[in-house]
Amino acid sequence: MMTLKDAKCGTTVTVTALNGGGAIKRRIMDMGITKGVQIFVRKVAPLGDPVEITVRNYELSIRKADAQNIEVA
């Protein structure tokens, strides 16, 4: 199992599952991150937080704690 937190810069990954409680999962889905969507990992901050991604043609910064709840392939 690989999460978005583990994805390398410059790679495109596909979401396979969303983990976490109801409020966390809902917030992630509200950002447009749903099962099957492709995510391009643009940058990772030097200390790993936040992760800059491109999803559904818009740029988004996501916290490492939230990225850990997103399983990707």
C-alpha atoms as a PDB file:
ATOM      1  CA  MET A   1       0.000   0.000   0.000  1.00  0.00           C
ATOM      2  CA  MET A   2       1.438   3.339  -1.088  1.00  0.00           C
ATOM      3  CA  THR A   3       0.002   6.663   0.013  1.00  0.00           C
ATOM      4  CA  LEU A   4       0.180  10.089  -1.570  1.00  0.00           C
ATOM      5  CA  LYS A   5       2.654  11.017   1.162  1.00  0.00           C
ATOM      6  CA  ASP A   6       5.104   8.428  -0.245  1.00  0.00           C
ATOM      7  CA  ALA A   7       4.766   9.496  -3.916  1.00  0.00           C
ATOM      8  CA  LYS A   8       7.854  11.028  -5.514  1.00  0.00           C
ATOM      9  CA  CYS A   9       8.025  14.491  -7.099  1.00  0.00           C
ATOM     10  CA  GLY A  10       7.212  14.586 -10.792  1.00  0.00           C
ATOM     11  CA  THR A  11       5.118  11.419 -10.787  1.00  0.00           C
ATOM     12  CA  THR A  12       1.476  10.926 -11.675  1.00  0.00           C
ATOM     13  CA  VAL A  13      -0.480   8.548  -9.462  1.00  0.00           C
ATOM     14  CA  THR A  14      -4.066   7.286  -9.415  1.00  0.00           C
ATOM     15  CA  VAL A  15      -6.181   7.288  -6.252  1.00  0.00           C
ATOM     16  CA  THR A  16      -7.217   3.761  -5.270  1.00  0.00           C
ATOM     17  CA  ALA A  17      -8.851   4.398  -1.875  1.00  0.00           C
ATOM     18  CA  LEU A  18      -9.554   7.056   0.738  1.00  0.00           C
ATOM     19  CA  ASN A  19      -9.029   6.264   4.411  1.00  0.00           C
ATOM     20  CA  GLY A  20      -9.851   8.183   7.567  1.00  0.00           C
ATOM     21  CA  GLY A  21     -12.938   9.203   9.465  1.00  0.00           C
ATOM     22  CA  GLY A  22     -16.061  10.793   8.053  1.00  0.00           C
ATOM     23  CA  ALA A  23     -15.032  14.464   8.381  1.00  0.00           C
ATOM     24  CA  ILE A  24     -11.510  13.873   7.064  1.00  0.00           C
ATOM     25  CA  LYS A  25     -12.725  11.779   4.147  1.00  0.00           C
ATOM     26  CA  ARG A  26     -15.409  14.367   3.293  1.00  0.00           C
ATOM     27  CA  ARG A  27     -12.847  17.215   3.292  1.00  0.00           C
ATOM     28  CA  ILE A  28     -10.546  15.256   0.965  1.00  0.00           C
ATOM     29  CA  MET A  29     -13.451  14.500  -1.378  1.00  0.00           C
ATOM     30  CA  ASP A  30     -14.519  18.173  -1.314  1.00  0.00           C
ATOM     31  CA  MET A  31     -11.053  19.035  -2.672  1.00  0.00           C
ATOM     32  CA  GLY A  32     -11.841  16.900  -5.744  1.00  0.00           C
ATOM     33  CA  ILE A  33      -9.776  13.901  -4.695  1.00  0.00           C
ATOM     34  CA  THR A  34     -11.918  10.836  -5.323  1.00  0.00           C
ATOM     35  CA  LYS A  35     -11.260   7.211  -6.228  1.00  0.00           C
ATOM     36  CA  GLY A  36      -9.885   6.854  -9.750  1.00  0.00           C
ATOM     37  CA  VAL A  37      -8.708  10.468 -10.191  1.00  0.00           C
ATOM     38  CA  GLN A  38      -5.138  11.108 -11.339  1.00  0.00           C
ATOM     39  CA  ILE A  39      -2.847  13.298  -9.233  1.00  0.00           C
ATOM     40  CA  PHE A  40       0.423  14.851 -10.385  1.00  0.00           C
ATOM     41  CA  VAL A  41       2.883  15.447  -7.526  1.00  0.00           C
ATOM     42  CA  ARG A  42       4.449  18.858  -8.266  1.00  0.00           C
ATOM     43  CA  LYS A  43       6.580  19.554  -5.202  1.00  0.00           C
ATOM     44  CA  VAL A  44       7.250  18.343  -1.696  1.00  0.00           C
ATOM     45  CA  ALA A  45       8.419  20.906   0.866  1.00  0.00           C
ATOM     46  CA  PRO A  46      11.898  20.317   2.347  1.00  0.00           C
ATOM     47  CA  LEU A  47      10.466  18.896   5.574  1.00  0.00           C
ATOM     48  CA  GLY A  48       7.743  17.015   3.700  1.00  0.00           C
ATOM     49  CA  ASP A  49       4.833  19.252   4.654  1.00  0.00           C
ATOM     50  CA  PRO A  50       2.886  20.369   2.605  1.00  0.00           C
ATOM     51  CA  VAL A  51       2.774  18.444  -0.663  1.00  0.00           C
ATOM     52  CA  GLU A  52       1.877  20.445  -3.787  1.00  0.00           C
ATOM     53  CA  ILE A  53      -0.249  18.513  -6.263  1.00  0.00           C
ATOM     54  CA  THR A  54      -2.254  19.077  -9.435  1.00  0.00           C
ATOM     55  CA  VAL A  55      -5.670  17.425  -9.438  1.00  0.00           C
ATOM     56  CA  ARG A  56      -8.500  18.016 -11.950  1.00  0.00           C
ATOM     57  CA  ASN A  57      -6.490  20.826 -13.607  1.00  0.00           C
ATOM     58  CA  TYR A  58      -6.008  22.894 -10.459  1.00  0.00           C
ATOM     59  CA  GLU A  59      -3.134  23.221  -8.023  1.00  0.00           C
ATOM     60  CA  LEU A  60      -3.543  22.221  -4.418  1.00  0.00           C
ATOM     61  CA  SER A  61      -1.359  22.066  -1.325  1.00  0.00           C
ATOM     62  CA  ILE A  62      -2.237  19.235   1.006  1.00  0.00           C
ATOM     63  CA  ARG A  63      -0.957  18.469   4.487  1.00  0.00           C
ATOM     64  CA  LYS A  64       1.153  15.385   5.050  1.00  0.00           C
ATOM     65  CA  ALA A  65      -1.423  14.085   7.550  1.00  0.00           C
ATOM     66  CA  ASP A  66      -4.157  14.262   4.889  1.00  0.00           C
ATOM     67  CA  ALA A  67      -1.887  12.831   2.171  1.00  0.00           C
ATOM     68  CA  GLN A  68      -1.337   9.799   4.377  1.00  0.00           C
ATOM     69  CA  ASN A  69      -5.063   8.983   4.117  1.00  0.00           C
ATOM     70  CA  ILE A  70      -4.986   8.810   0.308  1.00  0.00           C
ATOM     71  CA  GLU A  71      -3.940   5.420  -1.127  1.00  0.00           C
ATOM     72  CA  VAL A  72      -2.465   5.607  -4.619  1.00  0.00           C
ATOM     73  CA  ALA A  73      -1.047   3.299  -7.268  1.00  0.00           C
END
